[in-house]
């Protein structure tokens, strides 16, 4: 038996973030940078953006792959909201 957080950390294949106007992108970059740790497992990052008039998906360079950790998911959900973070 494992918690949802444990399953996320162990089985995550990618991290999808839904961004919108008003999200603090500078803070987002800081969080993601802190979770790009060397010598650990990494998952690709996918971003989507919507502003009411248009929406789209952004291709993210492999250097932005992040380490799937409870701390990362918690920080992202606090910043963007739980519905904006999908594993």
Protein backbone atom coordinates (compact mmCIF):
# COMPACT_ATOMS: atom_id res chain seq x y z
CA UNK A 1 0.00 0.00 0.00
CA UNK A 2 1.30 3.46 -0.84
CA UNK A 3 0.02 6.99 -0.62
CA UNK A 4 -0.87 9.05 -3.68
CA UNK A 5 2.30 11.09 -3.19
CA UNK A 6 4.43 7.94 -3.05
CA UNK A 7 2.83 6.65 -6.24
CA UNK A 8 3.41 9.99 -7.98
CA UNK A 9 7.08 9.97 -7.06
CA UNK A 10 7.57 6.38 -8.11
CA UNK A 11 5.50 6.10 -11.29
CA UNK A 12 5.28 9.60 -12.77
CA UNK A 13 6.14 9.70 -16.48
CA UNK A 14 5.58 13.39 -17.08
CA UNK A 15 4.40 16.53 -15.34
CA UNK A 16 1.78 18.73 -17.01
CA UNK A 17 1.14 22.28 -15.85
CA UNK A 18 -1.80 24.41 -16.96
CA UNK A 19 -0.79 28.07 -16.92
CA UNK A 20 -3.00 31.13 -17.13
CA UNK A 21 -2.58 34.90 -16.92
CA UNK A 22 -1.86 35.89 -13.36
CA UNK A 23 0.34 32.92 -12.55
CA UNK A 24 3.71 33.98 -11.20
CA UNK A 25 6.04 32.67 -13.93
CA UNK A 26 9.17 33.96 -12.18
CA UNK A 27 8.27 31.95 -9.07
CA UNK A 28 7.44 28.94 -11.26
CA UNK A 29 10.89 29.08 -12.86
CA UNK A 30 12.49 29.28 -9.41
CA UNK A 31 10.57 26.21 -8.21
CA UNK A 32 11.39 24.19 -11.32
CA UNK A 33 15.08 25.16 -11.19
CA UNK A 34 15.29 23.97 -7.58
CA UNK A 35 13.92 20.56 -8.60
CA UNK A 36 16.28 19.90 -11.51
CA UNK A 37 18.68 17.90 -9.37
CA UNK A 38 21.55 15.98 -10.97
CA UNK A 39 21.90 12.22 -10.55
CA UNK A 40 18.24 11.59 -9.73
CA UNK A 41 15.31 10.38 -11.78
CA UNK A 42 13.77 13.04 -13.99
CA UNK A 43 10.48 13.39 -15.82
CA UNK A 44 9.63 15.62 -18.78
CA UNK A 45 7.68 18.81 -18.27
CA UNK A 46 4.69 19.81 -20.42
CA UNK A 47 3.09 23.25 -20.29
CA UNK A 48 -0.22 24.45 -21.61
CA UNK A 49 -1.35 28.07 -21.57
CA UNK A 50 -4.78 29.60 -21.91
CA UNK A 51 -5.83 33.23 -21.64
CA UNK A 52 -9.49 33.17 -22.67
CA UNK A 53 -8.78 34.20 -26.27
CA UNK A 54 -6.24 31.56 -27.19
CA UNK A 55 -4.61 28.46 -25.83
CA UNK A 56 -1.71 26.25 -26.74
CA UNK A 57 0.90 23.78 -25.62
CA UNK A 58 4.52 24.76 -25.17
CA UNK A 59 7.46 22.55 -26.02
CA UNK A 60 9.91 22.46 -23.13
CA UNK A 61 13.62 21.75 -23.54
CA UNK A 62 14.94 18.55 -21.92
CA UNK A 63 17.09 20.63 -19.57
CA UNK A 64 13.86 21.48 -17.71
CA UNK A 65 13.16 17.87 -16.73
CA UNK A 66 12.39 17.76 -13.01
CA UNK A 67 12.75 15.31 -10.16
CA UNK A 68 9.28 14.05 -9.15
CA UNK A 69 9.09 14.73 -5.44
CA UNK A 70 6.39 15.49 -2.92
CA UNK A 71 8.00 18.86 -2.28
CA UNK A 72 7.81 19.80 -5.98
CA UNK A 73 4.16 18.77 -6.31
CA UNK A 74 3.22 20.62 -3.12
CA UNK A 75 4.97 23.82 -4.22
CA UNK A 76 3.39 23.71 -7.68
CA UNK A 77 -0.09 23.08 -6.30
CA UNK A 78 0.32 25.98 -3.88
CA UNK A 79 1.44 28.29 -6.69
CA UNK A 80 -0.86 27.17 -9.52
CA UNK A 81 -3.70 25.34 -7.78
CA UNK A 82 -4.28 21.60 -7.60
CA UNK A 83 -6.25 21.48 -10.87
CA UNK A 84 -3.31 22.99 -12.77
CA UNK A 85 -0.88 20.20 -11.86
CA UNK A 86 -1.22 16.75 -13.43
CA UNK A 87 1.15 13.82 -13.24
